[in-house]
């Protein structure tokens, strides 16, 4: 079974809208179990976006920090670093410079590179754009590199979760 590589948007949107910590605790308990089992992971850069960003010093940041060394936070290998370079080349050749830079400065290329290297699945709340889009989006870049990309609900269905 492939591992699921979660983008920062999954954690942030779940906490803000669908499954707030303190209200939907069964979701977070299930997610913690999946992290501990190695089924759900995130790149170090995504961890930094969620846990170290000064705008995110809340219950979510605490939840993520508590799992940093318990399987959630995956450091990049040399192969992943090389893939991030290839993703960067594609993004800069396909999107305007400002948009490419914006995409590449966060965790987005890292989550794709890790999933590509791991034969994993990217999970994001970002929606698909059309081929003429001016803004790089995780699903579009995943499609270019042949990486499976789904949203949170699809991941829950694939893992047959019941709350």
Protein backbone atom coordinates (compact mmCIF):
# COMPACT_ATOMS: atom_id res chain seq x y z
CA UNK A 1 0.00 0.00 0.00
CA UNK A 2 1.43 3.41 -0.91
CA UNK A 3 2.25 6.02 1.69
CA UNK A 4 0.23 9.22 1.71
CA UNK A 5 2.28 12.44 1.55
CA UNK A 6 0.27 15.26 3.07
CA UNK A 7 0.61 18.86 1.98
CA UNK A 8 0.33 21.64 4.59
CA UNK A 9 -3.11 22.54 3.22
CA UNK A 10 -4.51 19.20 4.42
CA UNK A 11 -3.56 19.87 8.05
CA UNK A 12 -4.53 23.54 7.97
CA UNK A 13 -7.88 23.10 6.22
CA UNK A 14 -8.81 20.09 8.36
CA UNK A 15 -8.22 22.07 11.53
CA UNK A 16 -9.86 25.28 10.32
CA UNK A 17 -12.92 23.79 8.62
CA UNK A 18 -13.63 20.09 8.41
CA UNK A 19 -12.12 18.50 11.53
CA UNK A 20 -11.16 21.15 14.12
CA UNK A 21 -8.95 19.93 16.94
CA UNK A 22 -11.06 19.85 20.09
CA UNK A 23 -14.25 19.11 18.13
CA UNK A 24 -13.36 16.27 15.74
CA UNK A 25 -10.76 14.55 17.90
CA UNK A 26 -11.49 11.14 16.41
CA UNK A 27 -10.07 12.39 13.09
CA UNK A 28 -6.84 13.55 14.75
CA UNK A 29 -6.55 10.34 16.79
CA UNK A 30 -6.96 8.30 13.61
CA UNK A 31 -4.42 10.50 11.79
CA UNK A 32 -1.93 10.09 14.66
CA UNK A 33 -2.30 6.31 14.39
CA UNK A 34 -1.65 6.44 10.66
CA UNK A 35 1.44 8.58 11.24
CA UNK A 36 2.70 6.12 13.85
CA UNK A 37 2.09 3.23 11.45
CA UNK A 38 4.08 5.02 8.72
CA UNK A 39 1.09 5.27 6.39
CA UNK A 40 0.83 9.06 6.51
CA UNK A 41 3.92 11.28 6.30
CA UNK A 42 5.01 14.78 5.32
CA UNK A 43 8.28 16.30 4.16
CA UNK A 44 10.33 18.39 6.58
CA UNK A 45 9.42 21.52 4.59
CA UNK A 46 5.69 20.90 5.14
CA UNK A 47 6.37 20.44 8.85
CA UNK A 48 8.09 23.84 8.86
CA UNK A 49 5.10 25.47 7.14
CA UNK A 50 2.68 24.15 9.74
CA UNK A 51 4.69 24.06 12.96
CA UNK A 52 7.28 26.81 12.63
CA UNK A 53 5.27 29.52 10.88
CA UNK A 54 4.52 32.31 13.33
CA UNK A 55 0.93 32.49 12.04
CA UNK A 56 0.33 28.85 13.01
CA UNK A 57 1.20 28.76 16.70
CA UNK A 58 -2.00 26.99 17.72
CA UNK A 59 -3.31 23.53 18.58
CA UNK A 60 -2.42 22.32 15.09
CA UNK A 61 1.20 23.43 15.45
CA UNK A 62 1.35 21.63 18.80
CA UNK A 63 -0.19 18.47 17.28
CA UNK A 64 2.37 18.46 14.46
CA UNK A 65 5.31 19.24 16.75
CA UNK A 66 4.35 16.30 18.98
CA UNK A 67 4.69 13.97 15.98
CA UNK A 68 7.78 15.45 14.33
CA UNK A 69 10.12 12.69 15.49
CA UNK A 70 7.42 10.01 15.63
CA UNK A 71 7.20 9.42 11.90
CA UNK A 72 5.46 12.49 10.54
CA UNK A 73 8.46 14.53 9.45
CA UNK A 74 10.58 12.92 6.73
CA UNK A 75 13.96 14.39 5.81
CA UNK A 76 14.85 14.50 2.10
CA UNK A 77 17.31 12.07 0.60
CA UNK A 78 19.74 13.07 -2.15
CA UNK A 79 17.33 11.51 -4.67
CA UNK A 80 14.48 13.67 -3.37
CA UNK A 81 16.67 16.77 -3.57
CA UNK A 82 17.46 15.97 -7.21
CA UNK A 83 13.76 15.51 -7.96
CA UNK A 84 13.00 18.90 -6.40
CA UNK A 85 15.50 20.34 -8.90
CA UNK A 86 13.67 18.68 -11.80
CA UNK A 87 10.34 19.93 -10.49
CA UNK A 88 11.84 23.42 -10.27
CA UNK A 89 13.03 23.26 -13.88
CA UNK A 90 9.55 22.24 -15.03
CA UNK A 91 7.77 24.90 -12.98
CA UNK A 92 10.10 27.71 -14.12
CA UNK A 93 9.71 26.65 -17.75
CA UNK A 94 5.91 26.39 -17.49
CA UNK A 95 4.76 29.30 -15.32
CA UNK A 96 5.57 33.02 -14.95
CA UNK A 97 8.63 33.71 -12.78
CA UNK A 98 6.77 35.16 -9.78
CA UNK A 99 4.28 32.28 -9.74
CA UNK A 100 7.05 29.71 -10.17
CA UNK A 101 9.06 31.21 -7.34
CA UNK A 102 5.99 31.29 -5.08
CA UNK A 103 5.31 27.61 -5.75
CA UNK A 104 8.93 26.56 -5.22
CA UNK A 105 9.65 28.46 -2.00
CA UNK A 106 7.33 26.35 0.16
CA UNK A 107 6.69 22.68 0.72
CA UNK A 108 4.85 22.00 -2.55
CA UNK A 109 7.79 20.71 -4.63
CA UNK A 110 9.02 18.68 -1.67
CA UNK A 111 5.76 16.82 -1.13
CA UNK A 112 5.69 15.95 -4.85
CA UNK A 113 9.36 14.89 -4.92
CA UNK A 114 8.99 12.68 -1.85
CA UNK A 115 5.89 10.99 -3.27
CA UNK A 116 7.58 10.54 -6.65
CA UNK A 117 10.65 8.96 -5.03
CA UNK A 118 8.50 6.79 -2.73
CA UNK A 119 5.81 5.75 -5.26
CA UNK A 120 3.45 7.45 -2.85
CA UNK A 121 0.30 9.53 -3.17
CA UNK A 122 0.15 13.29 -2.68
CA UNK A 123 -2.78 14.53 -0.62
CA UNK A 124 -3.71 18.20 -0.96
CA UNK A 125 -6.67 20.53 -0.74
CA UNK A 126 -5.55 22.36 -3.87
CA UNK A 127 -7.85 22.05 -6.85
CA UNK A 128 -6.88 21.23 -10.41
CA UNK A 129 -6.41 24.14 -12.75
CA UNK A 130 -6.64 23.98 -16.52
CA UNK A 131 -3.52 23.71 -18.69
CA UNK A 132 -3.53 27.45 -19.45
CA UNK A 133 -3.41 28.37 -15.74
CA UNK A 134 -0.84 30.99 -14.79
CA UNK A 135 -0.39 29.66 -11.26
CA UNK A 136 1.40 26.41 -10.49
CA UNK A 137 -0.77 24.01 -8.49
CA UNK A 138 0.24 20.75 -6.82
CA UNK A 139 -2.25 18.59 -8.79
CA UNK A 140 -1.08 19.97 -12.14
CA UNK A 141 2.61 19.44 -11.33
CA UNK A 142 1.83 15.96 -10.00
CA UNK A 143 0.05 15.13 -13.25
CA UNK A 144 3.08 16.22 -15.27
CA UNK A 145 5.34 13.90 -13.25
CA UNK A 146 2.88 10.99 -13.11
CA UNK A 147 2.32 11.25 -9.36
CA UNK A 148 -1.07 10.28 -7.96
CA UNK A 149 -2.74 13.26 -6.30
CA UNK A 150 -5.96 13.17 -4.26
CA UNK A 151 -7.78 15.24 -1.68
CA UNK A 152 -8.40 14.42 1.98
CA UNK A 153 -11.82 12.88 1.44
CA UNK A 154 -10.49 10.56 -1.28
CA UNK A 155 -7.68 9.47 1.07
CA UNK A 156 -10.21 8.70 3.80
CA UNK A 157 -12.25 6.63 1.32
CA UNK A 158 -9.17 4.72 0.11
CA UNK A 159 -8.17 3.96 3.71
CA UNK A 160 -11.77 2.94 4.53
CA UNK A 161 -12.03 5.26 7.51
CA UNK A 162 -15.17 5.39 9.63
CA UNK A 163 -15.65 7.99 12.35
